[in-house]
């Protein structure tokens, strides 16, 4: 982890070829750099349940689009490939 932000992507299969995904993110102030003399903010920036768009491809990969359903700018698309005998996926 490089910095104060942690994210987790949850991916599940509803039916053959049908997936659901969402992400959670948390800004942990203990890892953030705050200027000397300034107090840490009284809250962290937490965001839970951000829906993602998932599409399985023929090569066992998954196209995952984060922030696909938000009203603000710019979704983020990446390709996930199976790793460790299919037990986990890694992003390209």
N, C-alpha and C. Protein backbone atom coordinates (compact mmCIF):
# COMPACT_ATOMS: atom_id res chain seq x y z
N UNK A 1 0.85 -1.17 0.00
CA UNK A 1 0.00 0.00 0.00
C UNK A 1 0.89 1.23 0.00
N UNK A 2 0.63 2.14 -0.92
CA UNK A 2 1.42 3.37 -1.04
C UNK A 2 0.58 4.57 -0.66
N UNK A 3 0.39 4.83 0.59
CA UNK A 3 -0.36 6.01 0.97
C UNK A 3 -1.52 5.69 1.88
N UNK A 4 -2.34 6.71 2.12
CA UNK A 4 -3.37 6.59 3.14
C UNK A 4 -4.68 5.96 2.67
N UNK A 5 -4.78 5.57 1.45
CA UNK A 5 -6.05 5.06 0.93
C UNK A 5 -6.01 3.55 0.77
N UNK A 6 -7.09 2.89 1.20
CA UNK A 6 -7.23 1.45 1.01
C UNK A 6 -8.52 1.19 0.26
N UNK A 7 -8.49 0.28 -0.70
CA UNK A 7 -9.68 -0.07 -1.47
C UNK A 7 -9.81 -1.57 -1.54
N UNK A 8 -11.05 -2.02 -1.65
CA UNK A 8 -11.34 -3.44 -1.77
C UNK A 8 -12.42 -3.63 -2.82
N UNK A 9 -12.20 -4.55 -3.74
CA UNK A 9 -13.19 -4.86 -4.77
C UNK A 9 -13.81 -6.20 -4.44
N UNK A 10 -15.13 -6.24 -4.36
CA UNK A 10 -15.87 -7.47 -4.10
C UNK A 10 -16.49 -7.92 -5.41
N UNK A 11 -16.31 -9.18 -5.75
CA UNK A 11 -16.79 -9.71 -7.02
C UNK A 11 -17.45 -11.06 -6.75
N UNK A 12 -18.68 -11.20 -7.20
CA UNK A 12 -19.41 -12.45 -6.99
C UNK A 12 -20.12 -12.86 -8.27
N UNK A 13 -20.45 -14.13 -8.35
CA UNK A 13 -21.15 -14.66 -9.52
C UNK A 13 -22.59 -14.98 -9.12
N UNK A 14 -23.55 -14.32 -9.79
CA UNK A 14 -24.97 -14.56 -9.54
C UNK A 14 -25.47 -15.83 -10.22
N UNK A 15 -25.02 -16.03 -11.43
CA UNK A 15 -25.42 -17.16 -12.27
C UNK A 15 -24.31 -17.36 -13.29
N UNK A 16 -24.31 -18.47 -14.01
CA UNK A 16 -23.26 -18.66 -15.02
C UNK A 16 -23.18 -17.46 -15.98
N UNK A 17 -22.02 -16.85 -16.01
CA UNK A 17 -21.79 -15.71 -16.89
C UNK A 17 -22.36 -14.39 -16.39
N UNK A 18 -22.95 -14.36 -15.20
CA UNK A 18 -23.54 -13.14 -14.65
C UNK A 18 -22.85 -12.79 -13.33
N UNK A 19 -22.30 -11.58 -13.26
CA UNK A 19 -21.50 -11.18 -12.11
C UNK A 19 -22.04 -9.90 -11.48
N UNK A 20 -21.71 -9.72 -10.24
CA UNK A 20 -22.01 -8.48 -9.51
C UNK A 20 -20.71 -8.05 -8.83
N UNK A 21 -20.48 -6.75 -8.78
CA UNK A 21 -19.25 -6.25 -8.15
C UNK A 21 -19.51 -4.89 -7.52
N UNK A 22 -18.76 -4.62 -6.44
CA UNK A 22 -18.80 -3.32 -5.80
C UNK A 22 -17.47 -3.09 -5.12
N UNK A 23 -17.18 -1.84 -4.87
CA UNK A 23 -15.91 -1.50 -4.21
C UNK A 23 -16.18 -0.68 -2.95
N UNK A 24 -15.25 -0.81 -2.02
CA UNK A 24 -15.25 -0.03 -0.79
C UNK A 24 -13.91 0.69 -0.72
N UNK A 25 -13.90 1.90 -0.21
CA UNK A 25 -12.63 2.61 -0.03
C UNK A 25 -12.64 3.36 1.29
N UNK A 26 -11.47 3.48 1.86
CA UNK A 26 -11.30 4.10 3.16
C UNK A 26 -10.00 4.89 3.16
N UNK A 27 -10.08 6.13 3.59
CA UNK A 27 -8.89 6.96 3.75
C UNK A 27 -8.48 6.89 5.21
N UNK A 28 -7.32 6.33 5.47
CA UNK A 28 -6.84 6.15 6.84
C UNK A 28 -5.85 7.26 7.18
N UNK A 29 -6.26 8.14 8.04
CA UNK A 29 -5.44 9.32 8.35
C UNK A 29 -4.12 8.97 9.02
N UNK A 30 -4.04 7.84 9.68
CA UNK A 30 -2.79 7.46 10.35
C UNK A 30 -1.63 7.30 9.37
N UNK A 31 -1.94 7.04 8.11
CA UNK A 31 -0.90 6.87 7.10
C UNK A 31 -0.70 8.11 6.24
N UNK A 32 -1.52 9.13 6.45
CA UNK A 32 -1.42 10.36 5.65
C UNK A 32 -0.37 11.29 6.25
N UNK A 33 0.23 12.09 5.41
CA UNK A 33 1.19 13.09 5.88
C UNK A 33 0.44 14.40 6.12
N UNK A 34 0.43 14.83 7.36
CA UNK A 34 -0.21 16.08 7.75
C UNK A 34 0.90 17.05 8.14
N UNK A 35 0.77 18.30 7.72
CA UNK A 35 1.79 19.30 8.04
C UNK A 35 1.98 19.42 9.54
N UNK A 36 3.21 19.64 9.99
CA UNK A 36 3.47 19.80 11.42
C UNK A 36 2.61 20.91 12.01
N UNK A 37 2.08 20.66 13.18
CA UNK A 37 1.26 21.65 13.87
C UNK A 37 -0.22 21.57 13.53
N UNK A 38 -0.58 20.83 12.50
CA UNK A 38 -1.99 20.68 12.14
C UNK A 38 -2.52 19.38 12.72
N UNK A 39 -3.74 19.42 13.20
CA UNK A 39 -4.38 18.24 13.78
C UNK A 39 -4.94 17.36 12.65
N UNK A 40 -5.00 16.07 12.92
CA UNK A 40 -5.64 15.16 11.96
C UNK A 40 -7.11 15.54 11.85
N UNK A 41 -7.70 15.40 10.67
CA UNK A 41 -9.13 15.67 10.52
C UNK A 41 -9.94 14.76 11.46
N UNK A 42 -11.12 15.21 11.90
CA UNK A 42 -11.90 14.44 12.87
C UNK A 42 -12.63 13.24 12.26
N UNK A 43 -12.55 13.05 10.96
CA UNK A 43 -13.24 11.95 10.31
C UNK A 43 -12.40 11.43 9.15
N UNK A 44 -12.72 10.25 8.67
CA UNK A 44 -12.05 9.73 7.48
C UNK A 44 -13.05 9.71 6.33
N UNK A 45 -12.57 9.63 5.15
CA UNK A 45 -13.43 9.58 3.97
C UNK A 45 -13.69 8.12 3.63
N UNK A 46 -14.87 7.64 3.97
CA UNK A 46 -15.24 6.25 3.71
C UNK A 46 -16.31 6.21 2.64
N UNK A 47 -16.21 5.25 1.76
CA UNK A 47 -17.21 5.08 0.71
C UNK A 47 -17.42 3.58 0.52
N UNK A 48 -18.63 3.14 0.74
CA UNK A 48 -18.93 1.71 0.67
C UNK A 48 -19.99 1.44 -0.39
N UNK A 49 -19.84 0.31 -1.06
CA UNK A 49 -20.88 -0.17 -1.97
C UNK A 49 -20.96 0.54 -3.30
N UNK A 50 -19.85 1.02 -3.83
CA UNK A 50 -19.85 1.66 -5.15
C UNK A 50 -19.96 0.56 -6.20
N UNK A 51 -21.11 0.50 -6.89
CA UNK A 51 -21.34 -0.57 -7.86
C UNK A 51 -20.36 -0.49 -9.02
N UNK A 52 -19.97 -1.65 -9.51
CA UNK A 52 -19.06 -1.75 -10.65
C UNK A 52 -19.74 -2.58 -11.74
N UNK A 53 -19.33 -2.37 -12.96
CA UNK A 53 -19.82 -3.13 -14.10
C UNK A 53 -18.80 -4.22 -14.43
N UNK A 54 -19.25 -5.47 -14.56
CA UNK A 54 -18.35 -6.59 -14.81
C UNK A 54 -18.80 -7.34 -16.04
N UNK A 55 -17.83 -7.68 -16.89
CA UNK A 55 -18.12 -8.48 -18.07
C UNK A 55 -17.04 -9.55 -18.21
N UNK A 56 -17.46 -10.81 -18.23
CA UNK A 56 -16.50 -11.91 -18.43
C UNK A 56 -16.13 -11.97 -19.91
N UNK A 57 -14.87 -12.28 -20.17
CA UNK A 57 -14.41 -12.41 -21.55
C UNK A 57 -14.14 -13.88 -21.86
N UNK A 58 -13.94 -14.20 -23.11
CA UNK A 58 -13.71 -15.58 -23.51
C UNK A 58 -12.39 -16.14 -23.00
N UNK A 59 -11.46 -15.29 -22.64
CA UNK A 59 -10.14 -15.76 -22.21
C UNK A 59 -10.04 -15.88 -20.68
N UNK A 60 -11.17 -16.04 -19.99
CA UNK A 60 -11.22 -16.16 -18.52
C UNK A 60 -10.85 -14.88 -17.80
N UNK A 61 -10.71 -13.80 -18.53
CA UNK A 61 -10.47 -12.49 -17.91
C UNK A 61 -11.80 -11.85 -17.58
N UNK A 62 -11.74 -10.75 -16.86
CA UNK A 62 -12.94 -9.97 -16.57
C UNK A 62 -12.63 -8.50 -16.81
N UNK A 63 -13.50 -7.84 -17.57
CA UNK A 63 -13.42 -6.40 -17.72
C UNK A 63 -14.21 -5.79 -16.58
N UNK A 64 -13.56 -4.99 -15.75
CA UNK A 64 -14.21 -4.40 -14.58
C UNK A 64 -14.14 -2.89 -14.72
N UNK A 65 -15.31 -2.26 -14.65
CA UNK A 65 -15.42 -0.81 -14.77
C UNK A 65 -15.89 -0.25 -13.43
N UNK A 66 -14.97 0.43 -12.74
CA UNK A 66 -15.31 1.06 -11.46
C UNK A 66 -15.96 2.41 -11.71
N UNK A 67 -16.83 2.82 -10.81
CA UNK A 67 -17.55 4.09 -10.89
C UNK A 67 -18.39 4.18 -12.17
N UNK A 68 -18.89 3.04 -12.63
CA UNK A 68 -19.65 2.98 -13.88
C UNK A 68 -21.02 3.61 -13.74
N UNK A 69 -21.56 3.64 -12.55
CA UNK A 69 -22.93 4.10 -12.37
C UNK A 69 -23.04 5.44 -11.67
N UNK A 70 -21.93 6.08 -11.41
CA UNK A 70 -21.95 7.38 -10.75
C UNK A 70 -22.32 8.48 -11.72
N UNK A 71 -22.87 9.55 -11.19
CA UNK A 71 -23.26 10.67 -12.03
C UNK A 71 -22.12 11.62 -12.34
N UNK A 72 -20.99 11.42 -11.69
CA UNK A 72 -19.85 12.31 -11.91
C UNK A 72 -18.93 11.75 -12.98
N UNK A 73 -17.86 12.41 -13.20
CA UNK A 73 -16.92 12.11 -14.27
C UNK A 73 -16.20 10.77 -14.13
N UNK A 74 -16.00 10.18 -15.22
CA UNK A 74 -14.91 9.27 -15.50
C UNK A 74 -14.90 7.94 -14.74
N UNK A 75 -15.41 6.93 -15.39
CA UNK A 75 -15.27 5.59 -14.83
C UNK A 75 -13.85 5.10 -15.10
N UNK A 76 -13.45 4.02 -14.40
CA UNK A 76 -12.11 3.46 -14.55
C UNK A 76 -12.25 2.01 -14.98
N UNK A 77 -11.72 1.66 -16.13
CA UNK A 77 -11.81 0.31 -16.67
C UNK A 77 -10.46 -0.38 -16.52
N UNK A 78 -10.49 -1.64 -16.04
CA UNK A 78 -9.27 -2.44 -16.02
C UNK A 78 -9.63 -3.89 -16.31
N UNK A 79 -8.63 -4.67 -16.64
CA UNK A 79 -8.81 -6.08 -16.95
C UNK A 79 -8.22 -6.91 -15.83
N UNK A 80 -9.01 -7.83 -15.29
CA UNK A 80 -8.53 -8.72 -14.23
C UNK A 80 -8.30 -10.10 -14.83
N UNK A 81 -7.18 -10.72 -14.48
CA UNK A 81 -6.84 -12.05 -14.97
C UNK A 81 -6.70 -13.01 -13.79
N UNK A 82 -7.08 -14.27 -13.98
CA UNK A 82 -6.95 -15.25 -12.90
C UNK A 82 -5.49 -15.46 -12.51
N UNK A 83 -5.25 -15.65 -11.22
CA UNK A 83 -3.91 -15.94 -10.70
C UNK A 83 -4.04 -16.98 -9.62
N UNK A 84 -2.94 -17.60 -9.24
CA UNK A 84 -2.90 -18.61 -8.18
C UNK A 84 -3.98 -19.68 -8.39
N UNK A 85 -3.95 -20.30 -9.54
CA UNK A 85 -4.89 -21.38 -9.89
C UNK A 85 -6.35 -20.94 -9.83
N UNK A 86 -6.61 -19.67 -10.14
CA UNK A 86 -7.98 -19.17 -10.18
C UNK A 86 -8.54 -18.75 -8.84
N UNK A 87 -7.76 -18.83 -7.78
CA UNK A 87 -8.25 -18.48 -6.44
C UNK A 87 -8.36 -16.96 -6.26
N UNK A 88 -7.57 -16.20 -6.97
CA UNK A 88 -7.60 -14.74 -6.91
C UNK A 88 -7.48 -14.19 -8.32
N UNK A 89 -7.71 -12.90 -8.44
CA UNK A 89 -7.53 -12.24 -9.74
C UNK A 89 -6.58 -11.07 -9.53
N UNK A 90 -5.83 -10.74 -10.56
CA UNK A 90 -4.94 -9.59 -10.49
C UNK A 90 -5.28 -8.65 -11.63
N UNK A 91 -5.09 -7.36 -11.38
CA UNK A 91 -5.40 -6.35 -12.39
C UNK A 91 -4.23 -6.13 -13.30
N UNK A 92 -4.52 -5.92 -14.57
CA UNK A 92 -3.50 -5.58 -15.55
C UNK A 92 -3.49 -4.08 -15.73
